[in-house]
Amino acid sequence: MEDLKPIKTHFAFKAWLILLIVFGIFKVLALIFSFLKTPPENYEIFVLLSNFAIVICFIMLYRLKKWAFWGVAFISLYSLAICFALGFGKVQIAFIAGTFAILLVVMQLKKNNVSAWQALR
């Protein structure tokens, strides 16, 4: 049975996830409102769905679910593949890779000798 005692993780981990959740929600809303003005192209629907899915994964990662980390990893790789295939700029590609790299770093930080990696259930 799972231990019901809440696990404390480092503040940087929580702060980075909150920032990503807020930014992701704004990005999803911006895409939805842009679709109201002009009809979306085929790839834009996939961009909207991947952004929505990654926000869900960030929320669940905040709740320390192990599957959410793998969801973030898969969606990040998927987004990088889409960016390469569609010829997006280097800034977009660097942003996706940098976001995931920072997430990996903050997951290593420890509080009470427990990292976010160890806290995932």
PDB file of N, CA and C in Angstrom:
ATOM      1  N   MET A   1       0.845  -1.188   0.000  1.00  0.00           N
ATOM      2  CA  MET A   1       0.000   0.000   0.000  1.00  0.00           C
ATOM      3  C   MET A   1       0.880   1.237   0.000  1.00  0.00           C
ATOM      4  N   GLU A   2       0.453   2.245  -0.745  1.00  0.00           N
ATOM      5  CA  GLU A   2       1.235   3.471  -0.848  1.00  0.00           C
ATOM      6  C   GLU A   2       1.260   4.224   0.471  1.00  0.00           C
ATOM      7  N   ASP A   3       2.406   4.818   0.738  1.00  0.00           N
ATOM      8  CA  ASP A   3       2.528   5.636   1.934  1.00  0.00           C
ATOM      9  C   ASP A   3       1.748   6.934   1.707  1.00  0.00           C
ATOM     10  N   LEU A   4       0.836   7.258   2.596  1.00  0.00           N
ATOM     11  CA  LEU A   4      -0.018   8.433   2.425  1.00  0.00           C
ATOM     12  C   LEU A   4       0.629   9.711   2.923  1.00  0.00           C
ATOM     13  N   LYS A   5       1.804   9.602   3.525  1.00  0.00           N
ATOM     14  CA  LYS A   5       2.511  10.784   3.998  1.00  0.00           C
ATOM     15  C   LYS A   5       3.026  11.572   2.793  1.00  0.00           C
ATOM     16  N   PRO A   6       2.737  12.880   2.730  1.00  0.00           N
ATOM     17  CA  PRO A   6       3.200  13.657   1.579  1.00  0.00           C
ATOM     18  C   PRO A   6       4.729  13.729   1.537  1.00  0.00           C
ATOM     19  N   ILE A   7       5.257  13.605   0.328  1.00  0.00           N
ATOM     20  CA  ILE A   7       6.701  13.655   0.129  1.00  0.00           C
ATOM     21  C   ILE A   7       7.086  15.081  -0.234  1.00  0.00           C
ATOM     22  N   LYS A   8       8.078  15.601   0.448  1.00  0.00           N
ATOM     23  CA  LYS A   8       8.557  16.957   0.181  1.00  0.00           C
ATOM     24  C   LYS A   8       9.594  16.911  -0.935  1.00  0.00           C
ATOM     25  N   THR A   9       9.388  17.737  -1.950  1.00  0.00           N
ATOM     26  CA  THR A   9      10.369  17.862  -3.019  1.00  0.00           C
ATOM     27  C   THR A   9      10.921  19.276  -3.012  1.00  0.00           C
ATOM     28  N   HIS A  10      11.991  19.469  -3.735  1.00  0.00           N
ATOM     29  CA  HIS A  10      12.669  20.756  -3.762  1.00  0.00           C
ATOM     30  C   HIS A  10      11.759  21.830  -4.366  1.00  0.00           C
ATOM     31  N   PHE A  11      11.875  23.054  -3.851  1.00  0.00           N
ATOM     32  CA  PHE A  11      11.050  24.163  -4.316  1.00  0.00           C
ATOM     33  C   PHE A  11      11.265  24.444  -5.804  1.00  0.00           C
ATOM     34  N   ALA A  12      12.490  24.305  -6.290  1.00  0.00           N
ATOM     35  CA  ALA A  12      12.779  24.586  -7.696  1.00  0.00           C
ATOM     36  C   ALA A  12      11.998  23.644  -8.615  1.00  0.00           C
ATOM     37  N   PHE A  13      11.836  22.401  -8.204  1.00  0.00           N
ATOM     38  CA  PHE A  13      11.063  21.426  -8.985  1.00  0.00           C
ATOM     39  C   PHE A  13       9.613  21.882  -9.087  1.00  0.00           C
ATOM     40  N   LYS A  14       9.032  22.249  -7.959  1.00  0.00           N
ATOM     41  CA  LYS A  14       7.633  22.698  -7.946  1.00  0.00           C
ATOM     42  C   LYS A  14       7.459  24.003  -8.720  1.00  0.00           C
ATOM     43  N   ALA A  15       8.377  24.931  -8.529  1.00  0.00           N
ATOM     44  CA  ALA A  15       8.283  26.229  -9.203  1.00  0.00           C
ATOM     45  C   ALA A  15       8.395  26.064 -10.715  1.00  0.00           C
ATOM     46  N   TRP A  16       9.313  25.206 -11.176  1.00  0.00           N
ATOM     47  CA  TRP A  16       9.487  24.997 -12.618  1.00  0.00           C
ATOM     48  C   TRP A  16       8.233  24.356 -13.210  1.00  0.00           C
ATOM     49  N   LEU A  17       7.648  23.399 -12.501  1.00  0.00           N
ATOM     50  CA  LEU A  17       6.429  22.773 -13.009  1.00  0.00           C
ATOM     51  C   LEU A  17       5.260  23.756 -13.043  1.00  0.00           C
ATOM     52  N   ILE A  18       5.132  24.591 -12.036  1.00  0.00           N
ATOM     53  CA  ILE A  18       4.057  25.593 -12.032  1.00  0.00           C
ATOM     54  C   ILE A  18       4.232  26.554 -13.204  1.00  0.00           C
ATOM     55  N   LEU A  19       5.460  26.985 -13.454  1.00  0.00           N
ATOM     56  CA  LEU A  19       5.739  27.863 -14.590  1.00  0.00           C
ATOM     57  C   LEU A  19       5.371  27.176 -15.908  1.00  0.00           C
ATOM     58  N   LEU A  20       5.733  25.909 -16.046  1.00  0.00           N
ATOM     59  CA  LEU A  20       5.409  25.182 -17.273  1.00  0.00           C
ATOM     60  C   LEU A  20       3.913  24.964 -17.431  1.00  0.00           C
ATOM     61  N   ILE A  21       3.211  24.709 -16.334  1.00  0.00           N
ATOM     62  CA  ILE A  21       1.756  24.528 -16.390  1.00  0.00           C
ATOM     63  C   ILE A  21       1.074  25.819 -16.832  1.00  0.00           C
ATOM     64  N   VAL A  22       1.442  26.931 -16.227  1.00  0.00           N
ATOM     65  CA  VAL A  22       0.822  28.222 -16.574  1.00  0.00           C
ATOM     66  C   VAL A  22       1.124  28.584 -18.025  1.00  0.00           C
ATOM     67  N   PHE A  23       2.390  28.446 -18.423  1.00  0.00           N
ATOM     68  CA  PHE A  23       2.770  28.758 -19.808  1.00  0.00           C
ATOM     69  C   PHE A  23       2.031  27.836 -20.782  1.00  0.00           C
ATOM     70  N   GLY A  24       1.917  26.553 -20.439  1.00  0.00           N
ATOM     71  CA  GLY A  24       1.233  25.604 -21.309  1.00  0.00           C
ATOM     72  C   GLY A  24      -0.239  25.916 -21.467  1.00  0.00           C
ATOM     73  N   ILE A  25      -0.896  26.308 -20.372  1.00  0.00           N
ATOM     74  CA  ILE A  25      -2.314  26.671 -20.452  1.00  0.00           C
ATOM     75  C   ILE A  25      -2.506  27.894 -21.341  1.00  0.00           C
ATOM     76  N   PHE A  26      -1.634  28.892 -21.186  1.00  0.00           N
ATOM     77  CA  PHE A  26      -1.733  30.074 -22.052  1.00  0.00           C
ATOM     78  C   PHE A  26      -1.505  29.719 -23.517  1.00  0.00           C
ATOM     79  N   LYS A  27      -0.577  28.804 -23.768  1.00  0.00           N
ATOM     80  CA  LYS A  27      -0.295  28.410 -25.148  1.00  0.00           C
ATOM     81  C   LYS A  27      -1.484  27.666 -25.753  1.00  0.00           C
ATOM     82  N   VAL A  28      -2.107  26.778 -24.985  1.00  0.00           N
ATOM     83  CA  VAL A  28      -3.285  26.062 -25.474  1.00  0.00           C
ATOM     84  C   VAL A  28      -4.420  27.042 -25.759  1.00  0.00           C
ATOM     85  N   LEU A  29      -4.653  27.986 -24.853  1.00  0.00           N
ATOM     86  CA  LEU A  29      -5.712  28.979 -25.074  1.00  0.00           C
ATOM     87  C   LEU A  29      -5.409  29.859 -26.286  1.00  0.00           C
ATOM     88  N   ALA A  30      -4.148  30.243 -26.463  1.00  0.00           N
ATOM     89  CA  ALA A  30      -3.770  31.058 -27.627  1.00  0.00           C
ATOM     90  C   ALA A  30      -4.018  30.286 -28.922  1.00  0.00           C
ATOM     91  N   LEU A  31      -3.708  29.000 -28.927  1.00  0.00           N
ATOM     92  CA  LEU A  31      -3.966  28.197 -30.126  1.00  0.00           C
ATOM     93  C   LEU A  31      -5.458  28.085 -30.412  1.00  0.00           C
ATOM     94  N   ILE A  32      -6.249  27.876 -29.366  1.00  0.00           N
ATOM     95  CA  ILE A  32      -7.698  27.765 -29.555  1.00  0.00           C
ATOM     96  C   ILE A  32      -8.267  29.067 -30.106  1.00  0.00           C
ATOM     97  N   PHE A  33      -7.846  30.209 -29.559  1.00  0.00           N
ATOM     98  CA  PHE A  33      -8.352  31.489 -30.047  1.00  0.00           C
ATOM     99  C   PHE A  33      -7.861  31.791 -31.458  1.00  0.00           C
ATOM    100  N   SER A  34      -6.660  31.345 -31.805  1.00  0.00           N
ATOM    101  CA  SER A  34      -6.196  31.559 -33.180  1.00  0.00           C
ATOM    102  C   SER A  34      -6.990  30.705 -34.158  1.00  0.00           C
ATOM    103  N   PHE A  35      -7.470  29.538 -33.699  1.00  0.00           N
ATOM    104  CA  PHE A  35      -8.287  28.690 -34.564  1.00  0.00           C
ATOM    105  C   PHE A  35      -9.656  29.314 -34.808  1.00  0.00           C
ATOM    106  N   LEU A  36     -10.118  30.161 -33.894  1.00  0.00           N
ATOM    107  CA  LEU A  36     -11.393  30.826 -34.093  1.00  0.00           C
ATOM    108  C   LEU A  36     -11.301  31.874 -35.201  1.00  0.00           C
ATOM    109  N   LYS A  37     -10.123  32.474 -35.361  1.00  0.00           N
ATOM    110  CA  LYS A  37      -9.938  33.495 -36.401  1.00  0.00           C
ATOM    111  C   LYS A  37      -9.705  32.871 -37.765  1.00  0.00           C
ATOM    112  N   THR A  38      -8.827  31.886 -37.824  1.00  0.00           N
ATOM    113  CA  THR A  38      -8.509  31.225 -39.090  1.00  0.00           C
ATOM    114  C   THR A  38      -8.576  29.718 -38.889  1.00  0.00           C
ATOM    115  N   PRO A  39      -9.045  29.001 -39.877  1.00  0.00           N
ATOM    116  CA  PRO A  39      -9.096  27.540 -39.725  1.00  0.00           C
ATOM    117  C   PRO A  39      -7.679  26.965 -39.599  1.00  0.00           C
ATOM    118  N   PRO A  40      -7.519  25.967 -38.749  1.00  0.00           N
ATOM    119  CA  PRO A  40      -6.173  25.408 -38.540  1.00  0.00           C
ATOM    120  C   PRO A  40      -5.731  24.533 -39.701  1.00  0.00           C
ATOM    121  N   GLU A  41      -4.414  24.503 -39.887  1.00  0.00           N
ATOM    122  CA  GLU A  41      -3.847  23.553 -40.833  1.00  0.00           C
ATOM    123  C   GLU A  41      -3.723  22.210 -40.118  1.00  0.00           C
ATOM    124  N   ASN A  42      -3.419  21.170 -40.868  1.00  0.00           N
ATOM    125  CA  ASN A  42      -3.377  19.824 -40.285  1.00  0.00           C
ATOM    126  C   ASN A  42      -2.394  19.712 -39.130  1.00  0.00           C
ATOM    127  N   TYR A  43      -1.184  20.229 -39.301  1.00  0.00           N
ATOM    128  CA  TYR A  43      -0.177  20.078 -38.248  1.00  0.00           C
ATOM    129  C   TYR A  43      -0.528  20.898 -37.007  1.00  0.00           C
ATOM    130  N   GLU A  44      -1.302  21.973 -37.155  1.00  0.00           N
ATOM    131  CA  GLU A  44      -1.656  22.804 -36.000  1.00  0.00           C
ATOM    132  C   GLU A  44      -2.567  22.073 -35.020  1.00  0.00           C
ATOM    133  N   ILE A  45      -3.374  21.169 -35.518  1.00  0.00           N
ATOM    134  CA  ILE A  45      -4.221  20.370 -34.629  1.00  0.00           C
ATOM    135  C   ILE A  45      -3.352  19.451 -33.776  1.00  0.00           C
ATOM    136  N   PHE A  46      -2.316  18.868 -34.386  1.00  0.00           N
ATOM    137  CA  PHE A  46      -1.397  18.012 -33.628  1.00  0.00           C
ATOM    138  C   PHE A  46      -0.611  18.821 -32.600  1.00  0.00           C
ATOM    139  N   VAL A  47      -0.270  20.044 -32.951  1.00  0.00           N
ATOM    140  CA  VAL A  47       0.429  20.926 -32.007  1.00  0.00           C
ATOM    141  C   VAL A  47      -0.479  21.223 -30.815  1.00  0.00           C
ATOM    142  N   LEU A  48      -1.752  21.513 -31.075  1.00  0.00           N
ATOM    143  CA  LEU A  48      -2.702  21.772 -29.989  1.00  0.00           C
ATOM    144  C   LEU A  48      -2.857  20.544 -29.092  1.00  0.00           C
ATOM    145  N   LEU A  49      -3.026  19.367 -29.686  1.00  0.00           N
ATOM    146  CA  LEU A  49      -3.201  18.152 -28.899  1.00  0.00           C
ATOM    147  C   LEU A  49      -1.952  17.821 -28.081  1.00  0.00           C
ATOM    148  N   SER A  50      -0.771  18.020 -28.659  1.00  0.00           N
ATOM    149  CA  SER A  50       0.452  17.724 -27.901  1.00  0.00           C
ATOM    150  C   SER A  50       0.643  18.732 -26.774  1.00  0.00           C
ATOM    151  N   ASN A  51       0.280  19.996 -26.990  1.00  0.00           N
ATOM    152  CA  ASN A  51       0.370  20.982 -25.918  1.00  0.00           C
ATOM    153  C   ASN A  51      -0.616  20.674 -24.796  1.00  0.00           C
ATOM    154  N   PHE A  52      -1.810  20.263 -25.152  1.00  0.00           N
ATOM    155  CA  PHE A  52      -2.797  19.897 -24.144  1.00  0.00           C
ATOM    156  C   PHE A  52      -2.317  18.678 -23.343  1.00  0.00           C
ATOM    157  N   ALA A  53      -1.784  17.680 -24.043  1.00  0.00           N
ATOM    158  CA  ALA A  53      -1.302  16.465 -23.375  1.00  0.00           C
ATOM    159  C   ALA A  53      -0.116  16.759 -22.457  1.00  0.00           C
ATOM    160  N   ILE A  54       0.776  17.642 -22.871  1.00  0.00           N
ATOM    161  CA  ILE A  54       1.944  17.918 -22.031  1.00  0.00           C
ATOM    162  C   ILE A  54       1.541  18.714 -20.793  1.00  0.00           C
ATOM    163  N   VAL A  55       0.509  19.553 -20.892  1.00  0.00           N
ATOM    164  CA  VAL A  55       0.019  20.257 -19.701  1.00  0.00           C
ATOM    165  C   VAL A  55      -0.546  19.250 -18.703  1.00  0.00           C
ATOM    166  N   ILE A  56      -1.297  18.270 -19.197  1.00  0.00           N
ATOM    167  CA  ILE A  56      -1.819  17.211 -18.322  1.00  0.00           C
ATOM    168  C   ILE A  56      -0.660  16.462 -17.657  1.00  0.00           C
ATOM    169  N   CYS A  57       0.369  16.153 -18.434  1.00  0.00           N
ATOM    170  CA  CYS A  57       1.530  15.442 -17.871  1.00  0.00           C
ATOM    171  C   CYS A  57       2.252  16.300 -16.836  1.00  0.00           C
ATOM    172  N   PHE A  58       2.385  17.604 -17.072  1.00  0.00           N
ATOM    173  CA  PHE A  58       3.024  18.475 -16.083  1.00  0.00           C
ATOM    174  C   PHE A  58       2.222  18.506 -14.778  1.00  0.00           C
ATOM    175  N   ILE A  59       0.895  18.565 -14.897  1.00  0.00           N
ATOM    176  CA  ILE A  59       0.048  18.565 -13.693  1.00  0.00           C
ATOM    177  C   ILE A  59       0.229  17.265 -12.925  1.00  0.00           C
ATOM    178  N   MET A  60       0.247  16.156 -13.626  1.00  0.00           N
ATOM    179  CA  MET A  60       0.411  14.871 -12.952  1.00  0.00           C
ATOM    180  C   MET A  60       1.841  14.680 -12.436  1.00  0.00           C
ATOM    181  N   LEU A  61       2.817  15.263 -13.102  1.00  0.00           N
ATOM    182  CA  LEU A  61       4.191  15.209 -12.591  1.00  0.00           C
ATOM    183  C   LEU A  61       4.291  16.014 -11.305  1.00  0.00           C
ATOM    184  N   TYR A  62       3.556  17.104 -11.209  1.00  0.00           N
ATOM    185  CA  TYR A  62       3.499  17.867  -9.963  1.00  0.00           C
ATOM    186  C   TYR A  62       2.944  16.993  -8.841  1.00  0.00           C
ATOM    187  N   ARG A  63       2.052  16.082  -9.195  1.00  0.00           N
ATOM    188  CA  ARG A  63       1.489  15.141  -8.214  1.00  0.00           C
ATOM    189  C   ARG A  63       2.368  13.903  -8.059  1.00  0.00           C
ATOM    190  N   LEU A  64       3.565  13.948  -8.664  1.00  0.00           N
ATOM    191  CA  LEU A  64       4.611  12.919  -8.529  1.00  0.00           C
ATOM    192  C   LEU A  64       4.223  11.566  -9.120  1.00  0.00           C
ATOM    193  N   LYS A  65       3.625  11.592 -10.287  1.00  0.00           N
ATOM    194  CA  LYS A  65       3.288  10.355 -10.990  1.00  0.00           C
ATOM    195  C   LYS A  65       4.416  10.016 -11.963  1.00  0.00           C
ATOM    196  N   LYS A  66       4.923   8.784 -11.874  1.00  0.00           N
ATOM    197  CA  LYS A  66       6.057   8.371 -12.697  1.00  0.00           C
ATOM    198  C   LYS A  66       5.697   8.354 -14.181  1.00  0.00           C
ATOM    199  N   TRP A  67       4.485   7.927 -14.515  1.00  0.00           N
ATOM    200  CA  TRP A  67       4.093   7.859 -15.916  1.00  0.00           C
ATOM    201  C   TRP A  67       4.074   9.245 -16.557  1.00  0.00           C
ATOM    202  N   ALA A  68       3.864  10.284 -15.755  1.00  0.00           N
ATOM    203  CA  ALA A  68       3.809  11.643 -16.289  1.00  0.00           C
ATOM    204  C   ALA A  68       5.177  12.081 -16.808  1.00  0.00           C
ATOM    205  N   PHE A  69       6.245  11.653 -16.130  1.00  0.00           N
ATOM    206  CA  PHE A  69       7.580  11.991 -16.623  1.00  0.00           C
ATOM    207  C   PHE A  69       7.803  11.365 -17.998  1.00  0.00           C
ATOM    208  N   TRP A  70       7.418  10.104 -18.156  1.00  0.00           N
ATOM    209  CA  TRP A  70       7.604   9.451 -19.453  1.00  0.00           C
ATOM    210  C   TRP A  70       6.696  10.075 -20.507  1.00  0.00           C
ATOM    211  N   GLY A  71       5.548  10.564 -20.104  1.00  0.00           N
ATOM    212  CA  GLY A  71       4.692  11.290 -21.033  1.00  0.00           C
ATOM    213  C   GLY A  71       5.342  12.576 -21.502  1.00  0.00           C
ATOM    214  N   VAL A  72       5.958  13.315 -20.572  1.00  0.00           N
ATOM    215  CA  VAL A  72       6.665  14.547 -20.934  1.00  0.00           C
ATOM    216  C   VAL A  72       7.827  14.224 -21.869  1.00  0.00           C
ATOM    217  N   ALA A  73       8.560  13.164 -21.577  1.00  0.00           N
ATOM    218  CA  ALA A  73       9.700  12.784 -22.421  1.00  0.00           C
ATOM    219  C   ALA A  73       9.231  12.423 -23.831  1.00  0.00           C
ATOM    220  N   PHE A  74       8.182  11.611 -23.929  1.00  0.00           N
ATOM    221  CA  PHE A  74       7.678  11.205 -25.237  1.00  0.00           C
ATOM    222  C   PHE A  74       7.144  12.396 -26.028  1.00  0.00           C
ATOM    223  N   ILE A  75       6.364  13.255 -25.382  1.00  0.00           N
ATOM    224  CA  ILE A  75       5.787  14.407 -26.079  1.00  0.00           C
ATOM    225  C   ILE A  75       6.883  15.386 -26.496  1.00  0.00           C
ATOM    226  N   SER A  76       7.920  15.537 -25.684  1.00  0.00           N
ATOM    227  CA  SER A  76       9.039  16.404 -26.059  1.00  0.00           C
ATOM    228  C   SER A  76       9.748  15.870 -27.295  1.00  0.00           C
ATOM    229  N   LEU A  77       9.997  14.560 -27.335  1.00  0.00           N
ATOM    230  CA  LEU A  77      10.621  13.963 -28.531  1.00  0.00           C
ATOM    231  C   LEU A  77       9.715  14.089 -29.750  1.00  0.00           C
ATOM    232  N   TYR A  78       8.421  13.886 -29.544  1.00  0.00           N
ATOM    233  CA  TYR A  78       7.448  14.038 -30.623  1.00  0.00           C
ATOM    234  C   TYR A  78       7.457  15.475 -31.153  1.00  0.00           C
ATOM    235  N   SER A  79       7.485  16.450 -30.235  1.00  0.00           N
ATOM    236  CA  SER A  79       7.491  17.859 -30.635  1.00  0.00           C
ATOM    237  C   SER A  79       8.771  18.215 -31.386  1.00  0.00           C
ATOM    238  N   LEU A  80       9.893  17.662 -30.935  1.00  0.00           N
ATOM    239  CA  LEU A  80      11.149  17.901 -31.656  1.00  0.00           C
ATOM    240  C   LEU A  80      11.090  17.321 -33.070  1.00  0.00           C
ATOM    241  N   ALA A  81      10.521  16.138 -33.206  1.00  0.00           N
ATOM    242  CA  ALA A  81      10.393  15.527 -34.534  1.00  0.00           C
ATOM    243  C   ALA A  81       9.500  16.363 -35.441  1.00  0.00           C
ATOM    244  N   ILE A  82       8.406  16.874 -34.903  1.00  0.00           N
ATOM    245  CA  ILE A  82       7.506  17.735 -35.687  1.00  0.00           C
ATOM    246  C   ILE A  82       8.244  19.007 -36.118  1.00  0.00           C
ATOM    247  N   CYS A  83       9.000  19.603 -35.181  1.00  0.00           N
ATOM    248  CA  CYS A  83       9.735  20.836 -35.497  1.00  0.00           C
ATOM    249  C   CYS A  83      10.764  20.598 -36.600  1.00  0.00           C
ATOM    250  N   PHE A  84      11.477  19.477 -36.513  1.00  0.00           N
ATOM    251  CA  PHE A  84      12.456  19.162 -37.565  1.00  0.00           C
ATOM    252  C   PHE A  84      11.762  18.906 -38.895  1.00  0.00           C
ATOM    253  N   ALA A  85      10.654  18.163 -38.872  1.00  0.00           N
ATOM    254  CA  ALA A  85       9.960  17.810 -40.105  1.00  0.00           C
ATOM    255  C   ALA A  85       9.357  19.031 -40.795  1.00  0.00           C
ATOM    256  N   LEU A  86       8.852  19.977 -40.007  1.00  0.00           N
ATOM    257  CA  LEU A  86       8.211  21.153 -40.592  1.00  0.00           C
ATOM    258  C   LEU A  86       9.184  22.293 -40.834  1.00  0.00           C
ATOM    259  N   GLY A  87      10.430  22.111 -40.404  1.00  0.00           N
ATOM    260  CA  GLY A  87      11.448  23.127 -40.653  1.00  0.00           C
ATOM    261  C   GLY A  87      11.315  24.358 -39.774  1.00  0.00           C
ATOM    262  N   PHE A  88      10.846  24.177 -38.546  1.00  0.00           N
ATOM    263  CA  PHE A  88      10.769  25.311 -37.624  1.00  0.00           C
ATOM    264  C   PHE A  88      12.167  25.790 -37.289  1.00  0.00           C
ATOM    265  N   GLY A  89      12.246  26.981 -36.756  1.00  0.00           N
ATOM    266  CA  GLY A  89      13.530  27.598 -36.452  1.00  0.00           C
ATOM    267  C   GLY A  89      14.267  26.928 -35.307  1.00  0.00           C
ATOM    268  N   LYS A  90      15.518  27.288 -35.198  1.00  0.00           N
ATOM    269  CA  LYS A  90      16.378  26.742 -34.154  1.00  0.00           C
ATOM    270  C   LYS A  90      15.924  27.179 -32.763  1.00  0.00           C
ATOM    271  N   VAL A  91      15.281  28.336 -32.674  1.00  0.00           N
ATOM    272  CA  VAL A  91      14.827  28.841 -31.375  1.00  0.00           C
ATOM    273  C   VAL A  91      13.750  27.921 -30.799  1.00  0.00           C
ATOM    274  N   GLN A  92      12.788  27.504 -31.618  1.00  0.00           N
ATOM    275  CA  GLN A  92      11.722  26.606 -31.160  1.00  0.00           C
ATOM    276  C   GLN A  92      12.306  25.265 -30.721  1.00  0.00           C
ATOM    277  N   ILE A  93      13.243  24.742 -31.491  1.00  0.00           N
ATOM    278  CA  ILE A  93      13.871  23.465 -31.156  1.00  0.00           C
ATOM    279  C   ILE A  93      14.676  23.596 -29.867  1.00  0.00           C
ATOM    280  N   ALA A  94      15.420  24.673 -29.720  1.00  0.00           N
ATOM    281  CA  ALA A  94      16.211  24.894 -28.503  1.00  0.00           C
ATOM    282  C   ALA A  94      15.308  25.087 -27.290  1.00  0.00           C
ATOM    283  N   PHE A  95      14.161  25.718 -27.479  1.00  0.00           N
ATOM    284  CA  PHE A  95      13.224  25.914 -26.366  1.00  0.00           C
ATOM    285  C   PHE A  95      12.692  24.581 -25.847  1.00  0.00           C
ATOM    286  N   ILE A  96      12.296  23.689 -26.751  1.00  0.00           N
ATOM    287  CA  ILE A  96      11.778  22.381 -26.340  1.00  0.00           C
ATOM    288  C   ILE A  96      12.864  21.574 -25.633  1.00  0.00           C
ATOM    289  N   ALA A  97      14.043  21.516 -26.232  1.00  0.00           N
ATOM    290  CA  ALA A  97      15.139  20.748 -25.631  1.00  0.00           C
ATOM    291  C   ALA A  97      15.579  21.365 -24.307  1.00  0.00           C
ATOM    292  N   GLY A  98      15.635  22.695 -24.241  1.00  0.00           N
ATOM    293  CA  GLY A  98      16.040  23.371 -23.009  1.00  0.00           C
ATOM    294  C   GLY A  98      15.050  23.180 -21.882  1.00  0.00           C
ATOM    295  N   THR A  99      13.765  23.206 -22.214  1.00  0.00           N
ATOM    296  CA  THR A  99      12.729  22.985 -21.197  1.00  0.00           C
ATOM    297  C   THR A  99      12.871  21.601 -20.579  1.00  0.00           C
ATOM    298  N   PHE A 100      13.074  20.591 -21.414  1.00  0.00           N
ATOM    299  CA  PHE A 100      13.218  19.230 -20.905  1.00  0.00           C
ATOM    300  C   PHE A 100      14.522  19.076 -20.119  1.00  0.00           C
ATOM    301  N   ALA A 101      15.595  19.715 -20.594  1.00  0.00           N
ATOM    302  CA  ALA A 101      16.879  19.629 -19.888  1.00  0.00           C
ATOM    303  C   ALA A 101      16.787  20.262 -18.493  1.00  0.00           C
ATOM    304  N   ILE A 102      16.129  21.410 -18.392  1.00  0.00           N
ATOM    305  CA  ILE A 102      15.970  22.054 -17.084  1.00  0.00           C
ATOM    306  C   ILE A 102      15.119  21.185 -16.169  1.00  0.00           C
ATOM    307  N   LEU A 103      14.087  20.552 -16.722  1.00  0.00           N
ATOM    308  CA  LEU A 103      13.273  19.640 -15.917  1.00  0.00           C
ATOM    309  C   LEU A 103      14.125  18.497 -15.359  1.00  0.00           C
ATOM    310  N   LEU A 104      15.001  17.941 -16.182  1.00  0.00           N
ATOM    311  CA  LEU A 104      15.884  16.874 -15.711  1.00  0.00           C
ATOM    312  C   LEU A 104      16.795  17.359 -14.587  1.00  0.00           C
ATOM    313  N   VAL A 105      17.288  18.586 -14.700  1.00  0.00           N
ATOM    314  CA  VAL A 105      18.189  19.131 -13.680  1.00  0.00           C
ATOM    315  C   VAL A 105      17.444  19.352 -12.364  1.00  0.00           C
ATOM    316  N   VAL A 106      16.271  19.979 -12.418  1.00  0.00           N
ATOM    317  CA  VAL A 106      15.565  20.262 -11.164  1.00  0.00           C
ATOM    318  C   VAL A 106      15.030  18.990 -10.513  1.00  0.00           C
ATOM    319  N   MET A 107      14.880  17.925 -11.291  1.00  0.00           N
ATOM    320  CA  MET A 107      14.463  16.663 -10.683  1.00  0.00           C
ATOM    321  C   MET A 107      15.592  16.031  -9.868  1.00  0.00           C
ATOM    322  N   GLN A 108      16.824  16.460 -10.100  1.00  0.00           N
ATOM    323  CA  GLN A 108      17.965  15.931  -9.358  1.00  0.00           C
ATOM    324  C   GLN A 108      18.160  16.620  -8.009  1.00  0.00           C
ATOM    325  N   LEU A 109      17.596  17.825  -7.835  1.00  0.00           N
ATOM    326  CA  LEU A 109      17.777  18.565  -6.590  1.00  0.00           C
ATOM    327  C   LEU A 109      17.091  17.836  -5.442  1.00  0.00           C
ATOM    328  N   LYS A 110      17.731  17.850  -4.294  1.00  0.00           N
ATOM    329  CA  LYS A 110      17.209  17.087  -3.154  1.00  0.00           C
ATOM    330  C   LYS A 110      16.711  18.002  -2.044  1.00  0.00           C
ATOM    331  N   LYS A 111      15.670  17.538  -1.380  1.00  0.00           N
ATOM    332  CA  LYS A 111      15.178  18.165  -0.161  1.00  0.00           C
ATOM    333  C   LYS A 111      14.980  17.039   0.834  1.00  0.00           C
ATOM    334  N   ASN A 112      15.528  17.208   2.016  1.00  0.00           N
ATOM    335  CA  ASN A 112      15.501  16.148   3.032  1.00  0.00           C
ATOM    336  C   ASN A 112      16.089  14.846   2.469  1.00  0.00           C
ATOM    337  N   ASN A 113      17.129  15.002   1.659  1.00  0.00           N
ATOM    338  CA  ASN A 113      17.860  13.883   1.068  1.00  0.00           C
ATOM    339  C   ASN A 113      16.995  13.029   0.128  1.00  0.00           C
ATOM    340  N   VAL A 114      15.950  13.633  -0.452  1.00  0.00           N
ATOM    341  CA  VAL A 114      15.074  12.943  -1.405  1.00  0.00           C
ATOM    342  C   VAL A 114      14.943  13.819  -2.642  1.00  0.00           C
ATOM    343  N   SER A 115      15.292  13.263  -3.804  1.00  0.00           N
ATOM    344  CA  SER A 115      15.124  14.004  -5.040  1.00  0.00           C
ATOM    345  C   SER A 115      13.738  13.719  -5.614  1.00  0.00           C
ATOM    346  N   ALA A 116      13.348  14.503  -6.602  1.00  0.00           N
ATOM    347  CA  ALA A 116      12.052  14.281  -7.245  1.00  0.00           C
ATOM    348  C   ALA A 116      12.039  12.925  -7.963  1.00  0.00           C
ATOM    349  N   TRP A 117      13.181  12.496  -8.485  1.00  0.00           N
ATOM    350  CA  TRP A 117      13.279  11.169  -9.087  1.00  0.00           C
ATOM    351  C   TRP A 117      12.855  10.094  -8.106  1.00  0.00           C
ATOM    352  N   GLN A 118      13.368  10.199  -6.879  1.00  0.00           N
ATOM    353  CA  GLN A 118      13.075   9.195  -5.868  1.00  0.00           C
ATOM    354  C   GLN A 118      11.638   9.291  -5.368  1.00  0.00           C
ATOM    355  N   ALA A 119      11.040  10.464  -5.480  1.00  0.00           N
ATOM    356  CA  ALA A 119       9.697  10.677  -4.966  1.00  0.00           C
ATOM    357  C   ALA A 119       8.604  10.222  -5.932  1.00  0.00           C
ATOM    358  N   LEU A 120       8.963   9.998  -7.194  1.00  0.00           N
ATOM    359  CA  LEU A 120       7.946   9.592  -8.171  1.00  0.00           C
ATOM    360  C   LEU A 120       7.362   8.239  -7.810  1.00  0.00           C
ATOM    361  N   ARG A 121       6.060   8.118  -7.960  1.00  0.00           N
ATOM    362  CA  ARG A 121       5.349   6.873  -7.636  1.00  0.00           C
ATOM    363  C   ARG A 121       4.693   6.326  -8.864  1.00  0.00           C
TER     364      ARG A 121
END
